[in-house]
């Protein structure tokens, strides 16, 4: 035993090392746990997803032709937040009215789109302020300034639909009526650039927005707009980032915003995007006028990859949805033509009635925003706006196509079926060889007409962020304010697609007509 004593200090040193490593391991585990707790719950799989409307410059908008990469103050702030939390940033663009439903459906972790912090919104969502702002009333240059909102009595005022401005103007209207004055005539438009356009063309007297956005428009339109009034309304003093209700997440987001403010990051971004009124010295006379139609902008839009890509998405959605709709409608039409009543027939009749009665836009929004509340699997990344649009339009269109196919089947002479049955043909062969060929010729014209209508209905998908043709057009209009040129370019694309299918319809109809006449001549001979 005494021989081992000289090695005892070495054994003690080894034990101390093991203990120290254990302490470090436990500390690192606690540190990792602390870091995990500091990560907001709205970050999933290392990705911070934000929802935004890319038509609200300078907060979020598209500067170039690539509509998939919006820029602006909000986007830069989101990048800094993602960097702070060591996450990748994913930006989902959509119509303004779809932002909060998408947040509620957990399609995004945050909503950042130059949105006012208001008490009604905070009843459903948490919010963190990050930029001061003020509500303003703007009008055309040379319009006299106002001293109070009462001076808008009886005048046309434009606002963006889905915003809190509508509610606020409603409150002011109630006060005007109570004072014995005429209320404002409120006109709502889906996007802010359309609101501004109503003022520029003289359809409305003024519009309501936030000072930050008005400053940008004043510079963009070179003095054609100016601020008429900045009313003191406490509820409109801050832009906010919205998130689902979670106190810990709200505190973590507030801590991050406070840090960005303290280190000067937000100040740098404000200077970068000119979040101040710098328009008065840069503006030009509103009476100055250039060319009525900018041909360069028109041909640039017509040949841009963004418009071509949007048109291809529109065409793909329409074709795929219609093929699925026809596939669904044929067996349903056959079942509904069965004279015998059954539970299946009653269910199918209810299906057709329901989807013909409900507005297409409502069905689209229900599938995108409501279904994920019941089936969380539809919140996953695989359920894209493209798939949601195809699903919604296929179901909706199949209800209309059922009636077309059912009428076509009824139009076939019942004697055809009896004759084919007398010849010993099976029921399958009767349909495939006798009834379907005749019903197809009858159903073809209304089917192509319905497809053309579906081609135009695809524009509704812009509300759930599908970058189809009209959505691309609106984003580019918000960037350039070249309304006429970009709308004309979109019109050309729609006309080309529609006229192609009209041409195809006439050729197919002529082919069937020629075939029928040939049979008649052959029989007569």
Protein backbone atom coordinates (compact mmCIF):
# COMPACT_ATOMS: atom_id res chain seq x y z
CA UNK A 1 0.00 0.00 0.00
CA UNK A 2 2.73 2.57 0.81
CA UNK A 3 3.99 2.14 -2.76
CA UNK A 4 0.84 3.92 -4.12
CA UNK A 5 1.07 6.99 -1.86
CA UNK A 6 3.45 8.89 -4.17
CA UNK A 7 0.75 8.75 -6.85
CA UNK A 8 -2.06 10.09 -4.65
CA UNK A 9 -1.57 13.78 -5.73
CA UNK A 10 -1.89 12.65 -9.33
CA UNK A 11 -5.13 10.81 -8.58
CA UNK A 12 -6.52 13.85 -6.77
CA UNK A 13 -5.58 16.08 -9.72
CA UNK A 14 -7.34 13.67 -12.07
CA UNK A 15 -10.46 13.73 -9.87
CA UNK A 16 -10.43 17.55 -9.87
CA UNK A 17 -10.24 17.58 -13.67
CA UNK A 18 -13.19 15.22 -13.93
CA UNK A 19 -15.20 17.35 -11.52
CA UNK A 20 -14.30 20.51 -13.42
CA UNK A 21 -15.35 18.97 -16.72
CA UNK A 22 -18.63 17.92 -15.14
CA UNK A 23 -19.26 21.45 -13.89
CA UNK A 24 -18.45 22.87 -17.35
CA UNK A 25 -20.76 20.34 -18.99
CA UNK A 26 -23.60 21.25 -16.64
CA UNK A 27 -22.94 24.94 -17.16
CA UNK A 28 -22.94 24.55 -20.92
CA UNK A 29 -26.22 22.65 -20.67
CA UNK A 30 -27.74 25.39 -18.56
CA UNK A 31 -26.40 28.02 -20.97
CA UNK A 32 -27.85 26.14 -23.92
CA UNK A 33 -31.15 25.87 -22.08
CA UNK A 34 -31.07 29.61 -21.36
CA UNK A 35 -30.35 30.34 -24.98
CA UNK A 36 -33.21 28.07 -26.02
CA UNK A 37 -35.50 29.97 -23.68
CA UNK A 38 -34.36 33.26 -25.24
CA UNK A 39 -35.42 32.09 -28.69
CA UNK A 40 -39.00 33.21 -29.49
CA UNK A 41 -41.49 30.44 -30.08
CA UNK A 42 -42.51 31.93 -33.43
CA UNK A 43 -39.16 30.85 -34.89
CA UNK A 44 -39.58 27.36 -36.35
CA UNK A 45 -36.79 25.15 -37.68
CA UNK A 46 -34.38 28.05 -37.50
CA UNK A 47 -36.56 30.27 -39.73
CA UNK A 48 -38.22 33.58 -38.94
CA UNK A 49 -41.23 34.00 -41.24
CA UNK A 50 -42.83 37.41 -41.65
CA UNK A 51 -45.96 38.37 -43.58
CA UNK A 52 -46.01 41.70 -45.39
CA UNK A 53 -47.82 43.61 -48.09
CA UNK A 54 -45.21 44.76 -50.65
CA UNK A 55 -47.18 47.83 -51.76
CA UNK A 56 -46.47 50.11 -48.80
CA UNK A 57 -43.27 52.05 -49.52
CA UNK A 58 -40.92 52.86 -47.92
CA UNK A 59 -41.82 50.30 -45.25
CA UNK A 60 -42.04 47.35 -47.64
CA UNK A 61 -42.14 47.42 -51.43
CA UNK A 62 -40.53 46.07 -54.60
CA UNK A 63 -37.83 48.29 -56.05
CA UNK A 64 -37.09 46.33 -59.23
CA UNK A 65 -38.73 43.72 -61.45
CA UNK A 66 -38.17 40.82 -59.03
CA UNK A 67 -41.44 40.70 -57.08
CA UNK A 68 -40.20 37.82 -54.90
CA UNK A 69 -37.67 40.00 -53.05
CA UNK A 70 -39.33 43.01 -51.42
CA UNK A 71 -37.22 45.71 -49.79
CA UNK A 72 -37.79 48.56 -47.39
CA UNK A 73 -37.46 49.65 -43.79
CA UNK A 74 -39.50 46.72 -42.43
CA UNK A 75 -37.54 44.15 -44.43
CA UNK A 76 -34.24 45.50 -43.11
CA UNK A 77 -35.52 45.43 -39.53
CA UNK A 78 -36.65 41.83 -40.05
CA UNK A 79 -33.16 40.90 -41.31
CA UNK A 80 -31.58 42.32 -38.16
CA UNK A 81 -34.06 40.42 -35.97
CA UNK A 82 -33.32 37.18 -37.80
CA UNK A 83 -29.58 37.76 -37.40
CA UNK A 84 -29.99 38.43 -33.68
CA UNK A 85 -31.80 35.12 -33.23
CA UNK A 86 -29.46 33.23 -35.61
CA UNK A 87 -32.36 32.40 -37.90
CA UNK A 88 -33.00 32.53 -41.62
CA UNK A 89 -35.52 35.10 -42.81
CA UNK A 90 -38.50 34.07 -44.94
CA UNK A 91 -40.71 36.85 -46.31
CA UNK A 92 -44.28 36.01 -47.38
CA UNK A 93 -45.99 38.71 -49.44
CA UNK A 94 -49.76 39.03 -49.65
CA UNK A 95 -52.69 41.42 -49.83
CA UNK A 96 -53.10 43.63 -46.74
CA UNK A 97 -56.41 42.04 -45.78
CA UNK A 98 -54.74 38.62 -45.54
CA UNK A 99 -51.98 39.61 -43.08
CA UNK A 100 -53.75 39.09 -39.76
CA UNK A 101 -55.68 35.96 -40.83
CA UNK A 102 -52.35 34.45 -41.92
CA UNK A 103 -50.79 35.36 -38.57
CA UNK A 104 -53.71 33.75 -36.76
CA UNK A 105 -53.36 30.63 -38.93
CA UNK A 106 -49.66 30.44 -37.95
CA UNK A 107 -48.46 30.84 -41.51
CA UNK A 108 -46.03 33.45 -40.26
CA UNK A 109 -44.44 34.40 -36.96
CA UNK A 110 -44.63 38.17 -37.32
CA UNK A 111 -46.57 40.73 -39.35
CA UNK A 112 -44.46 43.71 -40.43
CA UNK A 113 -46.00 46.03 -42.98
CA UNK A 114 -46.16 49.58 -41.71
CA UNK A 115 -49.21 48.78 -39.57
CA UNK A 116 -50.54 51.10 -36.90
CA UNK A 117 -50.62 49.96 -33.28
CA UNK A 118 -54.25 50.17 -32.21
CA UNK A 119 -56.12 48.81 -29.13
CA UNK A 120 -58.68 46.82 -31.18
CA UNK A 121 -55.90 44.83 -32.86
CA UNK A 122 -54.20 44.18 -29.54
CA UNK A 123 -57.31 42.39 -28.32
CA UNK A 124 -56.35 39.52 -30.63
CA UNK A 125 -52.59 39.96 -31.10
CA UNK A 126 -49.59 41.27 -29.19
CA UNK A 127 -47.68 44.25 -30.60
CA UNK A 128 -44.31 45.94 -30.22
CA UNK A 129 -43.80 49.52 -31.43
CA UNK A 130 -40.70 50.26 -33.49
CA UNK A 131 -41.34 53.51 -35.40
CA UNK A 132 -43.13 56.77 -34.62
CA UNK A 133 -45.66 58.00 -37.14
CA UNK A 134 -48.77 60.14 -37.48
CA UNK A 135 -52.03 60.01 -39.40
CA UNK A 136 -52.24 62.62 -42.15
CA UNK A 137 -54.77 63.83 -44.70
CA UNK A 138 -53.24 64.43 -48.13
CA UNK A 139 -54.51 65.95 -51.34
CA UNK A 140 -53.36 67.33 -54.66
CA UNK A 141 -50.84 70.13 -54.80
CA UNK A 142 -52.33 73.63 -54.56
CA UNK A 143 -55.26 72.32 -52.49
CA UNK A 144 -55.69 74.65 -49.46
CA UNK A 145 -54.58 73.17 -46.14
CA UNK A 146 -57.18 72.24 -43.54
CA UNK A 147 -57.43 73.31 -39.92
CA UNK A 148 -59.58 70.40 -38.68
CA UNK A 149 -61.22 67.17 -39.80
CA UNK A 150 -64.57 68.97 -39.74
CA UNK A 151 -63.61 70.66 -43.00
CA UNK A 152 -63.87 67.29 -44.74
CA UNK A 153 -67.62 67.37 -44.14
CA UNK A 154 -69.47 66.39 -47.32
CA UNK A 155 -66.24 65.70 -49.25
CA UNK A 156 -65.08 62.46 -50.90
CA UNK A 157 -62.24 60.82 -48.97
CA UNK A 158 -60.41 57.67 -50.12
CA UNK A 159 -58.89 55.03 -47.80
CA UNK A 160 -57.37 51.60 -48.20
CA UNK A 161 -59.86 48.85 -47.39
CA UNK A 162 -59.10 46.60 -44.44
CA UNK A 163 -57.20 49.31 -42.57
CA UNK A 164 -58.09 51.01 -39.30
CA UNK A 165 -58.61 54.28 -41.21
CA UNK A 166 -62.08 53.10 -42.19
CA UNK A 167 -63.12 52.72 -38.56
CA UNK A 168 -61.54 56.03 -37.55
CA UNK A 169 -63.30 57.94 -40.33
CA UNK A 170 -66.54 56.28 -39.29
CA UNK A 171 -66.09 57.69 -35.77
CA UNK A 172 -65.44 61.15 -37.20
CA UNK A 173 -68.51 60.84 -39.42
CA UNK A 174 -70.65 60.04 -36.37
CA UNK A 175 -69.37 63.20 -34.70
CA UNK A 176 -70.11 65.25 -37.83
CA UNK A 177 -73.67 63.93 -38.01
CA UNK A 178 -74.17 64.60 -34.29
CA UNK A 179 -73.06 68.19 -34.90
CA UNK A 180 -75.60 68.57 -37.70
CA UNK A 181 -73.01 68.43 -40.49
CA UNK A 182 -72.84 66.25 -43.57
CA UNK A 183 -70.60 63.16 -43.18
CA UNK A 184 -67.60 62.43 -45.35
CA UNK A 185 -68.21 60.23 -48.37
CA UNK A 186 -65.76 57.38 -47.74
CA UNK A 187 -64.47 55.43 -50.74
CA UNK A 188 -62.49 52.25 -50.10
CA UNK A 189 -59.89 50.77 -52.46
CA UNK A 190 -57.87 47.54 -52.10
CA UNK A 191 -54.37 49.06 -52.33
CA UNK A 192 -52.79 52.35 -51.34
CA UNK A 193 -51.59 53.24 -54.83
CA UNK A 194 -55.19 53.02 -56.04
CA UNK A 195 -56.20 55.33 -53.18
CA UNK A 196 -53.58 57.88 -54.23
CA UNK A 197 -54.63 57.59 -57.86
CA UNK A 198 -58.18 58.66 -57.00
CA UNK A 199 -56.79 61.96 -55.71
CA UNK A 200 -54.52 62.45 -58.70
CA UNK A 201 -57.34 62.06 -61.21
CA UNK A 202 -59.65 64.26 -59.15
CA UNK A 203 -62.23 61.64 -58.21
CA UNK A 204 -61.85 62.35 -54.49
CA UNK A 205 -60.86 65.43 -52.52
CA UNK A 206 -58.30 63.78 -50.22
CA UNK A 207 -57.07 60.49 -48.82
CA UNK A 208 -55.91 59.31 -45.40
CA UNK A 209 -52.62 57.53 -44.74
CA UNK A 210 -49.50 57.73 -42.54
CA UNK A 211 -46.90 60.47 -42.76
CA UNK A 212 -44.04 58.09 -43.60
CA UNK A 213 -45.83 56.75 -46.66
CA UNK A 214 -46.99 60.20 -47.73
CA UNK A 215 -43.42 61.53 -47.60
CA UNK A 216 -42.39 58.76 -49.98
CA UNK A 217 -45.32 59.45 -52.34
CA UNK A 218 -44.58 63.17 -52.37
CA UNK A 219 -41.01 62.51 -53.49
CA UNK A 220 -42.10 59.81 -55.93
CA UNK A 221 -44.76 61.99 -57.58
CA UNK A 222 -42.53 65.10 -57.63
CA UNK A 223 -44.75 67.51 -55.77
CA UNK A 224 -48.17 66.42 -57.09
CA UNK A 225 -49.29 65.73 -53.52
CA UNK A 226 -49.01 67.57 -50.25
CA UNK A 227 -50.23 67.18 -46.67
CA UNK A 228 -53.47 69.01 -45.90
CA UNK A 229 -53.78 68.17 -42.21
CA UNK A 230 -52.03 66.23 -39.44
CA UNK A 231 -54.73 65.66 -36.80
CA UNK A 232 -53.69 64.81 -33.26
CA UNK A 233 -55.03 61.28 -32.87
CA UNK A 234 -53.28 59.31 -30.08
CA UNK A 235 -54.15 55.91 -31.56
CA UNK A 236 -52.09 56.63 -34.68
CA UNK A 237 -48.65 57.42 -33.32
CA UNK A 238 -46.72 54.16 -33.70
CA UNK A 239 -46.03 51.47 -36.25
CA UNK A 240 -45.98 48.04 -34.61
CA UNK A 241 -44.80 44.53 -35.24
CA UNK A 242 -47.62 42.08 -34.52
CA UNK A 243 -47.32 38.55 -33.19
CA UNK A 244 -49.60 35.92 -31.71
CA UNK A 245 -50.41 36.48 -28.07
CA UNK A 246 -47.49 35.27 -25.97
CA UNK A 247 -46.03 37.46 -23.22
CA UNK A 248 -42.59 35.88 -23.32
CA UNK A 249 -42.34 36.30 -27.09
CA UNK A 250 -43.52 39.88 -26.80
CA UNK A 251 -40.83 40.62 -24.19
CA UNK A 252 -38.11 39.03 -26.32
CA UNK A 253 -39.22 41.05 -29.35
CA UNK A 254 -39.35 44.23 -27.28
CA UNK A 255 -35.83 43.54 -25.99
CA UNK A 256 -34.58 43.07 -29.54
CA UNK A 257 -36.18 46.31 -30.78
CA UNK A 258 -34.81 48.21 -27.79
CA UNK A 259 -31.32 46.90 -28.56
CA UNK A 260 -31.60 47.94 -32.22
CA UNK A 261 -32.68 51.40 -31.10
CA UNK A 262 -29.87 51.70 -28.56
CA UNK A 263 -27.06 50.70 -30.91
CA UNK A 264 -28.22 53.11 -33.61
CA UNK A 265 -29.38 50.46 -36.09
CA UNK A 266 -32.90 51.84 -36.42
CA UNK A 267 -31.56 55.39 -36.81
CA UNK A 268 -29.31 54.21 -39.64
CA UNK A 269 -32.24 52.50 -41.35
CA UNK A 270 -34.41 55.61 -41.00
CA UNK A 271 -31.75 57.63 -42.76
CA UNK A 272 -31.33 54.96 -45.42
CA UNK A 273 -35.04 54.95 -46.31
CA UNK A 274 -35.59 58.69 -45.70
CA UNK A 275 -38.30 58.26 -43.08
CA UNK A 276 -38.65 62.05 -42.90
CA UNK A 277 -40.27 64.86 -44.86
CA UNK A 278 -37.67 65.76 -47.49
CA UNK A 279 -40.09 66.38 -50.33
CA UNK A 280 -40.81 70.09 -50.15
CA UNK A 281 -37.50 71.17 -51.61
CA UNK A 282 -37.33 68.38 -54.15
CA UNK A 283 -40.80 68.67 -55.61
CA UNK A 284 -41.75 70.23 -58.90
CA UNK A 285 -44.80 72.09 -59.98
CA UNK A 286 -47.84 69.84 -60.09
CA UNK A 287 -48.91 71.46 -63.30
CA UNK A 288 -45.84 70.17 -65.11
CA UNK A 289 -46.82 67.40 -67.44
CA UNK A 290 -45.00 64.92 -69.59
CA UNK A 291 -46.14 62.27 -71.99
CA UNK A 292 -49.61 60.90 -71.30
CA UNK A 293 -48.47 57.34 -72.05
CA UNK A 294 -44.93 56.14 -71.34
CA UNK A 295 -44.23 53.66 -74.12
CA UNK A 296 -40.87 52.69 -72.63
CA UNK A 297 -42.54 51.66 -69.37
CA UNK A 298 -45.22 49.76 -71.30
CA UNK A 299 -42.76 47.73 -73.41
CA UNK A 300 -40.53 47.21 -70.38
CA UNK A 301 -43.46 45.66 -68.50
CA UNK A 302 -44.61 43.70 -71.56
CA UNK A 303 -41.22 42.04 -71.97
CA UNK A 304 -40.30 41.69 -68.29
CA UNK A 305 -39.69 38.29 -66.73
CA UNK A 306 -41.97 39.24 -63.84
CA UNK A 307 -45.00 39.66 -66.12
CA UNK A 308 -44.17 36.53 -68.11
CA UNK A 309 -43.80 34.51 -64.93
CA UNK A 310 -47.08 35.90 -63.58
CA UNK A 311 -48.88 35.02 -66.81
CA UNK A 312 -47.49 31.47 -66.74
CA UNK A 313 -48.70 31.00 -63.17
CA UNK A 314 -52.14 32.33 -64.15
CA UNK A 315 -52.35 29.96 -67.10
CA UNK A 316 -51.04 26.96 -65.13
CA UNK A 317 -53.49 27.50 -62.27
CA UNK A 318 -56.42 27.86 -64.67
CA UNK A 319 -55.55 24.77 -66.74
CA UNK A 320 -54.81 22.55 -63.77
CA UNK A 321 -57.90 23.65 -61.86
CA UNK A 322 -60.16 23.13 -64.86
CA UNK A 323 -58.80 19.66 -65.62
CA UNK A 324 -59.40 18.62 -62.01
CA UNK A 325 -62.86 20.22 -62.08
CA UNK A 326 -63.87 18.31 -65.22
CA UNK A 327 -62.53 15.07 -63.75
CA UNK A 328 -64.64 15.59 -60.62
CA UNK A 329 -67.73 16.78 -62.44
CA UNK A 330 -68.25 13.87 -64.86
CA UNK A 331 -69.05 11.13 -62.29
CA UNK A 332 -71.08 13.62 -60.24
CA UNK A 333 -73.13 14.58 -63.33
CA UNK A 334 -73.76 10.91 -64.10
CA UNK A 335 -74.90 10.27 -60.52
CA UNK A 336 -77.21 13.30 -60.56
CA UNK A 337 -78.80 12.14 -63.82
CA UNK A 338 -79.87 8.92 -62.16
CA UNK A 339 -83.66 9.18 -61.71
CA UNK A 340 -83.58 7.20 -58.46
CA UNK A 341 -83.27 9.19 -55.21
CA UNK A 342 -80.49 8.20 -52.84
CA UNK A 343 -78.44 9.60 -49.99
CA UNK A 344 -75.46 9.99 -52.33
CA UNK A 345 -77.53 12.01 -54.79
CA UNK A 346 -78.78 14.33 -52.02
CA UNK A 347 -75.22 14.88 -50.80
CA UNK A 348 -73.99 15.65 -54.32
CA UNK A 349 -76.85 18.08 -54.90
CA UNK A 350 -75.90 19.85 -51.67
CA UNK A 351 -72.26 19.97 -52.79
CA UNK A 352 -73.16 21.60 -56.10
CA UNK A 353 -75.56 24.08 -54.49
CA UNK A 354 -73.08 25.07 -51.76
CA UNK A 355 -70.12 25.81 -53.99
CA UNK A 356 -72.21 27.57 -56.61
CA UNK A 357 -73.76 29.81 -53.95
CA UNK A 358 -70.60 30.76 -52.00
CA UNK A 359 -68.40 33.53 -53.50
CA UNK A 360 -65.17 32.24 -54.98
CA UNK A 361 -63.08 34.67 -52.92
CA UNK A 362 -64.72 33.46 -49.71
CA UNK A 363 -63.95 29.84 -50.60
CA UNK A 364 -60.34 30.75 -51.33
CA UNK A 365 -59.90 32.60 -48.03
CA UNK A 366 -61.63 29.82 -46.11
CA UNK A 367 -59.30 27.15 -47.49
CA UNK A 368 -56.19 29.27 -46.91
CA UNK A 369 -56.96 30.80 -43.50
CA UNK A 370 -59.74 28.78 -41.85
CA UNK A 371 -58.94 25.18 -42.75
CA UNK A 372 -55.51 25.29 -40.98
CA UNK A 373 -57.34 26.12 -37.75
CA UNK A 374 -59.03 22.71 -37.89
CA UNK A 375 -56.28 20.71 -39.62
CA UNK A 376 -52.78 21.86 -38.56
CA UNK A 377 -51.20 19.85 -41.38
CA UNK A 378 -52.32 22.58 -43.77
CA UNK A 379 -50.03 25.04 -41.96
CA UNK A 380 -46.97 23.18 -43.21
CA UNK A 381 -44.70 24.52 -45.94
CA UNK A 382 -45.97 22.03 -48.52
CA UNK A 383 -49.40 23.73 -48.57
CA UNK A 384 -48.39 26.66 -50.73
CA UNK A 385 -50.60 29.47 -52.10
CA UNK A 386 -50.40 27.71 -55.46
CA UNK A 387 -51.86 24.46 -54.08
CA UNK A 388 -54.49 26.34 -52.06
CA UNK A 389 -55.58 28.25 -55.16
CA UNK A 390 -55.76 25.11 -57.31
CA UNK A 391 -57.77 23.32 -54.61
CA UNK A 392 -60.21 26.20 -54.12
CA UNK A 393 -60.77 26.87 -57.81
CA UNK A 394 -61.06 23.16 -58.64
CA UNK A 395 -63.81 22.64 -56.07
CA UNK A 396 -65.59 25.83 -57.05
CA UNK A 397 -65.34 25.20 -60.79
CA UNK A 398 -66.42 21.57 -60.52
CA UNK A 399 -69.80 22.70 -59.16
CA UNK A 400 -70.42 24.77 -62.30
CA UNK A 401 -68.99 22.12 -64.60
CA UNK A 402 -71.37 19.54 -63.13
CA UNK A 403 -74.34 21.54 -64.41
CA UNK A 404 -72.75 21.88 -67.85
CA UNK A 405 -72.07 18.14 -68.09
CA UNK A 406 -75.43 17.19 -66.67
CA UNK A 407 -77.25 19.34 -69.22
CA UNK A 408 -75.13 17.90 -72.02
CA UNK A 409 -75.93 14.33 -70.94
CA UNK A 410 -79.63 15.16 -70.74
CA UNK A 411 -79.50 16.64 -74.24
CA UNK A 412 -78.52 13.29 -75.76
CA UNK A 413 -81.58 11.51 -77.19
CA UNK A 414 -82.64 8.73 -74.76
CA UNK A 415 -83.22 6.54 -77.81
CA UNK A 416 -79.45 6.43 -78.31
CA UNK A 417 -79.00 4.61 -75.03
CA UNK A 418 -81.90 2.25 -75.73
CA UNK A 419 -80.55 1.44 -79.17
CA UNK A 420 -77.06 0.79 -77.90
CA UNK A 421 -78.47 -1.42 -75.14
CA UNK A 422 -80.46 -3.38 -77.74
CA UNK A 423 -77.23 -4.01 -79.62
CA UNK A 424 -75.83 -5.69 -76.52
CA UNK A 425 -73.37 -3.00 -75.49
CA UNK A 426 -72.41 -2.87 -71.84
CA UNK A 427 -73.27 0.25 -69.82
CA UNK A 428 -69.61 1.28 -69.89
CA UNK A 429 -69.45 0.97 -73.68
CA UNK A 430 -72.77 2.81 -74.04
CA UNK A 431 -71.33 5.82 -72.26
CA UNK A 432 -67.89 5.73 -73.87
CA UNK A 433 -68.98 4.97 -77.44
CA UNK A 434 -72.43 6.52 -77.72
CA UNK A 435 -73.36 9.07 -75.03
CA UNK A 436 -70.04 10.76 -74.19
CA UNK A 437 -69.06 11.63 -77.78
CA UNK A 438 -72.40 13.37 -78.36
CA UNK A 439 -72.47 15.04 -74.94
CA UNK A 440 -68.90 16.26 -75.43
CA UNK A 441 -69.85 18.20 -78.56
CA UNK A 442 -72.73 19.83 -76.69
CA UNK A 443 -70.72 20.64 -73.57
CA UNK A 444 -67.63 21.96 -75.37
CA UNK A 445 -68.69 25.61 -76.01
CA UNK A 446 -69.90 26.35 -72.45
CA UNK A 447 -66.89 24.47 -71.04
CA UNK A 448 -64.43 26.69 -72.88
CA UNK A 449 -66.44 29.76 -71.87
CA UNK A 450 -66.23 28.62 -68.27
CA UNK A 451 -62.48 28.11 -68.60
CA UNK A 452 -62.04 31.66 -69.90
CA UNK A 453 -63.99 32.91 -66.91
CA UNK A 454 -61.78 30.80 -64.62
CA UNK A 455 -58.69 32.29 -66.24
CA UNK A 456 -59.81 35.72 -65.09
CA UNK A 457 -60.92 34.54 -61.64
CA UNK A 458 -57.35 33.45 -60.87
CA UNK A 459 -56.64 37.12 -60.10
CA UNK A 460 -58.39 36.59 -56.75
CA UNK A 461 -55.41 34.52 -55.62
CA UNK A 462 -53.39 37.68 -55.06
CA UNK A 463 -55.05 37.97 -51.62
CA UNK A 464 -53.19 34.85 -50.42
CA UNK A 465 -49.83 35.93 -51.88
CA UNK A 466 -49.86 33.93 -55.13
CA UNK A 467 -47.77 35.98 -57.58
CA UNK A 468 -50.08 35.63 -60.57
CA UNK A 469 -50.40 38.24 -63.32
CA UNK A 470 -52.60 40.79 -61.57
CA UNK A 471 -50.63 40.57 -58.30
CA UNK A 472 -47.40 41.26 -60.20
CA UNK A 473 -49.08 44.21 -61.92
CA UNK A 474 -50.24 45.76 -58.65
CA UNK A 475 -46.79 45.39 -57.08
CA UNK A 476 -45.13 47.08 -60.05
CA UNK A 477 -47.72 49.87 -60.08
CA UNK A 478 -47.01 50.55 -56.41
CA UNK A 479 -43.32 50.81 -57.28
CA UNK A 480 -43.60 53.07 -60.34
CA UNK A 481 -47.09 54.62 -60.24
CA UNK A 482 -47.32 53.96 -63.99
CA UNK A 483 -50.96 52.86 -63.78
CA UNK A 484 -51.89 53.08 -67.45
CA UNK A 485 -48.73 51.45 -68.77
CA UNK A 486 -48.67 48.45 -66.42
CA UNK A 487 -52.41 47.82 -66.57
CA UNK A 488 -52.19 47.98 -70.37
CA UNK A 489 -49.38 45.42 -70.34
CA UNK A 490 -51.43 43.09 -68.13
CA UNK A 491 -54.40 43.57 -70.46
CA UNK A 492 -52.31 42.49 -73.43
CA UNK A 493 -51.35 39.26 -71.64
CA UNK A 494 -54.96 38.49 -70.74
CA UNK A 495 -56.16 39.26 -74.27
CA UNK A 496 -53.53 36.99 -75.82
CA UNK A 497 -54.49 34.09 -73.54
CA UNK A 498 -58.24 34.56 -73.97
CA UNK A 499 -58.10 35.05 -77.74
CA UNK A 500 -56.01 31.91 -78.10
CA UNK A 501 -58.67 29.82 -76.38
CA UNK A 502 -61.45 31.53 -78.32
CA UNK A 503 -59.60 30.61 -81.52
CA UNK A 504 -59.20 27.05 -80.27
CA UNK A 505 -62.90 26.91 -79.41
CA UNK A 506 -63.95 27.96 -82.93
CA UNK A 507 -61.58 25.47 -84.56
CA UNK A 508 -62.88 22.58 -82.45
CA UNK A 509 -66.52 23.56 -83.01
CA UNK A 510 -65.90 23.84 -86.76
CA UNK A 511 -64.27 20.40 -86.73
CA UNK A 512 -67.30 18.82 -85.05
CA UNK A 513 -69.73 20.66 -87.30
CA UNK A 514 -67.84 19.53 -90.42
CA UNK A 515 -67.81 15.97 -89.11
CA UNK A 516 -71.59 16.00 -88.55
CA UNK A 517 -72.30 17.40 -92.00
CA UNK A 518 -70.08 14.75 -93.56
CA UNK A 519 -72.10 12.05 -91.79
CA UNK A 520 -75.37 13.55 -93.02
CA UNK A 521 -74.16 13.67 -96.63
CA UNK A 522 -72.80 10.15 -96.34
CA UNK A 523 -76.12 8.84 -94.99
CA UNK A 524 -78.10 10.66 -97.66
CA UNK A 525 -75.98 9.08 -100.37
